[in-house]
Amino acid sequence: MPYLPLLLFALMYAAATVLWDLPLLVGGAYLAISLSCFVAYAIDKAAARRGDWRTPESTLLLLGLACGWPGGLLAQQWLRHKTSKTSFQWKFYLTVVLNVVLFLVLGRQIGSGAVT
């Protein structure tokens, strides 16, 4: 089930918002960067079809790490891009795990008032 990480993150985000009173800016950041990541995948897919210059994988992975992984995951599924490249997939899911860990650590700090 390719959408399971999104569902689990949405549930975790909802719980964190209730428990830690996360500011709307956090959700806005995920939304904006996810949209940017989706667009980056779409541009790379179009370039691959035309045989043009490609977006470096490191750029796609960094966008995913920086809160854009939900958009990257949707782009992979909807555009059928980077889904069969195993070396990219394990790196992608590593960035998802790292982002979620950072979300939990920073979200709790934001919610407790430790980060201003």
C-alpha atoms as a PDB file:
ATOM      1  CA  MET A   1       0.000   0.000   0.000  1.00  0.00           C
ATOM      2  CA  PRO A   2       2.008   2.964  -1.262  1.00  0.00           C
ATOM      3  CA  TYR A   3      -0.124   5.580   0.513  1.00  0.00           C
ATOM      4  CA  LEU A   4       0.272   4.073   4.006  1.00  0.00           C
ATOM      5  CA  PRO A   5       3.119   6.442   4.982  1.00  0.00           C
ATOM      6  CA  LEU A   6       0.877   9.417   4.138  1.00  0.00           C
ATOM      7  CA  LEU A   7      -1.999   8.047   6.187  1.00  0.00           C
ATOM      8  CA  LEU A   8       0.243   7.311   9.168  1.00  0.00           C
ATOM      9  CA  PHE A   9       1.841  10.753   8.948  1.00  0.00           C
ATOM     10  CA  ALA A  10      -1.566  12.453   8.754  1.00  0.00           C
ATOM     11  CA  LEU A  11      -2.668  10.633  11.905  1.00  0.00           C
ATOM     12  CA  MET A  12       0.607  11.448  13.660  1.00  0.00           C
ATOM     13  CA  TYR A  13       0.391  15.084  12.566  1.00  0.00           C
ATOM     14  CA  ALA A  14      -3.192  15.354  13.843  1.00  0.00           C
ATOM     15  CA  ALA A  15      -2.197  13.860  17.191  1.00  0.00           C
ATOM     16  CA  ALA A  16       0.843  16.134  17.466  1.00  0.00           C
ATOM     17  CA  THR A  17      -1.285  19.162  16.648  1.00  0.00           C
ATOM     18  CA  VAL A  18      -3.723  18.295  19.438  1.00  0.00           C
ATOM     19  CA  LEU A  19      -1.103  17.273  21.997  1.00  0.00           C
ATOM     20  CA  TRP A  20       1.517  19.920  21.292  1.00  0.00           C
ATOM     21  CA  ASP A  21      -0.580  22.729  19.800  1.00  0.00           C
ATOM     22  CA  LEU A  22       1.573  23.002  16.677  1.00  0.00           C
ATOM     23  CA  PRO A  23       1.363  26.324  14.848  1.00  0.00           C
ATOM     24  CA  LEU A  24      -0.289  26.409  11.418  1.00  0.00           C
ATOM     25  CA  LEU A  25       3.079  27.370   9.966  1.00  0.00           C
ATOM     26  CA  VAL A  26       4.249  23.753  10.366  1.00  0.00           C
ATOM     27  CA  GLY A  27       1.407  22.426   8.231  1.00  0.00           C
ATOM     28  CA  GLY A  28       1.899  25.275   5.774  1.00  0.00           C
ATOM     29  CA  ALA A  29       5.568  24.378   5.421  1.00  0.00           C
ATOM     30  CA  TYR A  30       4.750  20.731   4.685  1.00  0.00           C
ATOM     31  CA  LEU A  31       2.136  21.777   2.145  1.00  0.00           C
ATOM     32  CA  ALA A  32       4.313  24.341   0.343  1.00  0.00           C
ATOM     33  CA  ILE A  33       7.448  22.196   0.226  1.00  0.00           C
ATOM     34  CA  SER A  34       5.454  19.106  -0.771  1.00  0.00           C
ATOM     35  CA  LEU A  35       3.971  21.034  -3.679  1.00  0.00           C
ATOM     36  CA  SER A  36       7.469  22.181  -4.689  1.00  0.00           C
ATOM     37  CA  CYS A  37       8.741  18.613  -4.454  1.00  0.00           C
ATOM     38  CA  PHE A  38       5.848  17.327  -6.591  1.00  0.00           C
ATOM     39  CA  VAL A  39       6.633  19.953  -9.235  1.00  0.00           C
ATOM     40  CA  ALA A  40      10.330  19.015  -9.155  1.00  0.00           C
ATOM     41  CA  TYR A  41       9.423  15.365  -9.807  1.00  0.00           C
ATOM     42  CA  ALA A  42       7.091  16.404 -12.648  1.00  0.00           C
ATOM     43  CA  ILE A  43       9.805  18.532 -14.246  1.00  0.00           C
ATOM     44  CA  ASP A  44      12.291  15.673 -13.926  1.00  0.00           C
ATOM     45  CA  LYS A  45       9.827  13.184 -15.431  1.00  0.00           C
ATOM     46  CA  ALA A  46       9.186  15.485 -18.393  1.00  0.00           C
ATOM     47  CA  ALA A  47      12.929  15.992 -18.886  1.00  0.00           C
ATOM     48  CA  ALA A  48      13.494  12.234 -18.793  1.00  0.00           C
ATOM     49  CA  ARG A  49      10.913  11.730 -21.527  1.00  0.00           C
ATOM     50  CA  ARG A  50      12.515  14.420 -23.711  1.00  0.00           C
ATOM     51  CA  GLY A  51      16.070  13.308 -22.982  1.00  0.00           C
ATOM     52  CA  ASP A  52      16.900  16.728 -21.497  1.00  0.00           C
ATOM     53  CA  TRP A  53      18.911  17.731 -18.447  1.00  0.00           C
ATOM     54  CA  ARG A  54      17.596  15.956 -15.344  1.00  0.00           C
ATOM     55  CA  THR A  55      17.068  17.154 -11.801  1.00  0.00           C
ATOM     56  CA  PRO A  56      19.757  15.548  -9.643  1.00  0.00           C
ATOM     57  CA  GLU A  57      18.437  12.813  -7.372  1.00  0.00           C
ATOM     58  CA  SER A  58      20.111  14.554  -4.449  1.00  0.00           C
ATOM     59  CA  THR A  59      17.862  17.572  -5.056  1.00  0.00           C
ATOM     60  CA  LEU A  60      14.732  15.421  -5.012  1.00  0.00           C
ATOM     61  CA  LEU A  61      15.910  13.687  -1.852  1.00  0.00           C
ATOM     62  CA  LEU A  62      16.773  16.955  -0.092  1.00  0.00           C
ATOM     63  CA  LEU A  63      13.358  18.393  -0.947  1.00  0.00           C
ATOM     64  CA  GLY A  64      11.822  15.265   0.530  1.00  0.00           C
ATOM     65  CA  LEU A  65      13.916  15.525   3.669  1.00  0.00           C
ATOM     66  CA  ALA A  66      12.946  19.191   4.073  1.00  0.00           C
ATOM     67  CA  CYS A  67       9.219  18.329   4.564  1.00  0.00           C
ATOM     68  CA  GLY A  68       8.472  17.640   0.889  1.00  0.00           C
ATOM     69  CA  TRP A  69       8.324  13.857   1.040  1.00  0.00           C
ATOM     70  CA  PRO A  70       4.487  13.707   0.970  1.00  0.00           C
ATOM     71  CA  GLY A  71       4.558  15.507  -2.391  1.00  0.00           C
ATOM     72  CA  GLY A  72       7.408  13.302  -3.551  1.00  0.00           C
ATOM     73  CA  LEU A  73       5.486  10.173  -2.625  1.00  0.00           C
ATOM     74  CA  LEU A  74       2.386  11.384  -4.469  1.00  0.00           C
ATOM     75  CA  ALA A  75       4.477  12.308  -7.512  1.00  0.00           C
ATOM     76  CA  GLN A  76       6.082   8.884  -7.541  1.00  0.00           C
ATOM     77  CA  GLN A  77       2.681   7.203  -7.539  1.00  0.00           C
ATOM     78  CA  TRP A  78       0.720   9.559  -9.792  1.00  0.00           C
ATOM     79  CA  LEU A  79       3.494  10.222 -12.320  1.00  0.00           C
ATOM     80  CA  ARG A  80       5.031   6.733 -12.072  1.00  0.00           C
ATOM     81  CA  HIS A  81       8.431   8.310 -11.563  1.00  0.00           C
ATOM     82  CA  LYS A  82      11.347   6.793  -9.635  1.00  0.00           C
ATOM     83  CA  THR A  83       9.191   3.893  -8.431  1.00  0.00           C
ATOM     84  CA  SER A  84      11.258   1.100  -9.934  1.00  0.00           C
ATOM     85  CA  LYS A  85      14.696   2.462  -9.101  1.00  0.00           C
ATOM     86  CA  THR A  86      15.575   0.567  -5.924  1.00  0.00           C
ATOM     87  CA  SER A  87      18.667   2.633  -5.108  1.00  0.00           C
ATOM     88  CA  PHE A  88      16.537   5.790  -5.092  1.00  0.00           C
ATOM     89  CA  GLN A  89      13.648   4.209  -3.181  1.00  0.00           C
ATOM     90  CA  TRP A  90      15.669   3.169  -0.153  1.00  0.00           C
ATOM     91  CA  LYS A  91      17.269   6.625   0.024  1.00  0.00           C
ATOM     92  CA  PHE A  92      13.844   8.234  -0.332  1.00  0.00           C
ATOM     93  CA  TYR A  93      12.371   6.200   2.531  1.00  0.00           C
ATOM     94  CA  LEU A  94      15.415   6.952   4.650  1.00  0.00           C
ATOM     95  CA  THR A  95      14.684  10.675   4.190  1.00  0.00           C
ATOM     96  CA  VAL A  96      11.046  10.024   5.158  1.00  0.00           C
ATOM     97  CA  VAL A  97      12.126   8.351   8.398  1.00  0.00           C
ATOM     98  CA  LEU A  98      14.615  11.126   9.159  1.00  0.00           C
ATOM     99  CA  ASN A  99      12.010  13.805   8.487  1.00  0.00           C
ATOM    100  CA  VAL A 100       9.429  12.112  10.710  1.00  0.00           C
ATOM    101  CA  VAL A 101      11.959  11.749  13.541  1.00  0.00           C
ATOM    102  CA  LEU A 102      12.874  15.440  13.213  1.00  0.00           C
ATOM    103  CA  PHE A 103       9.178  16.326  13.107  1.00  0.00           C
ATOM    104  CA  LEU A 104       8.562  14.462  16.361  1.00  0.00           C
ATOM    105  CA  VAL A 105      11.595  15.937  18.122  1.00  0.00           C
ATOM    106  CA  LEU A 106      11.053  19.513  16.960  1.00  0.00           C
ATOM    107  CA  GLY A 107       7.259  19.309  17.225  1.00  0.00           C
ATOM    108  CA  ARG A 108       7.485  18.335  20.857  1.00  0.00           C
ATOM    109  CA  GLN A 109       9.982  21.121  21.533  1.00  0.00           C
ATOM    110  CA  ILE A 110       7.766  23.655  19.759  1.00  0.00           C
ATOM    111  CA  GLY A 111       4.743  22.420  21.672  1.00  0.00           C
ATOM    112  CA  SER A 112       6.516  22.616  25.013  1.00  0.00           C
ATOM    113  CA  GLY A 113       7.786  26.114  24.267  1.00  0.00           C
ATOM    114  CA  ALA A 114      11.435  25.019  24.232  1.00  0.00           C
ATOM    115  CA  VAL A 115      11.920  26.478  20.728  1.00  0.00           C
ATOM    116  CA  THR A 116      11.014  30.118  20.226  1.00  0.00           C
END
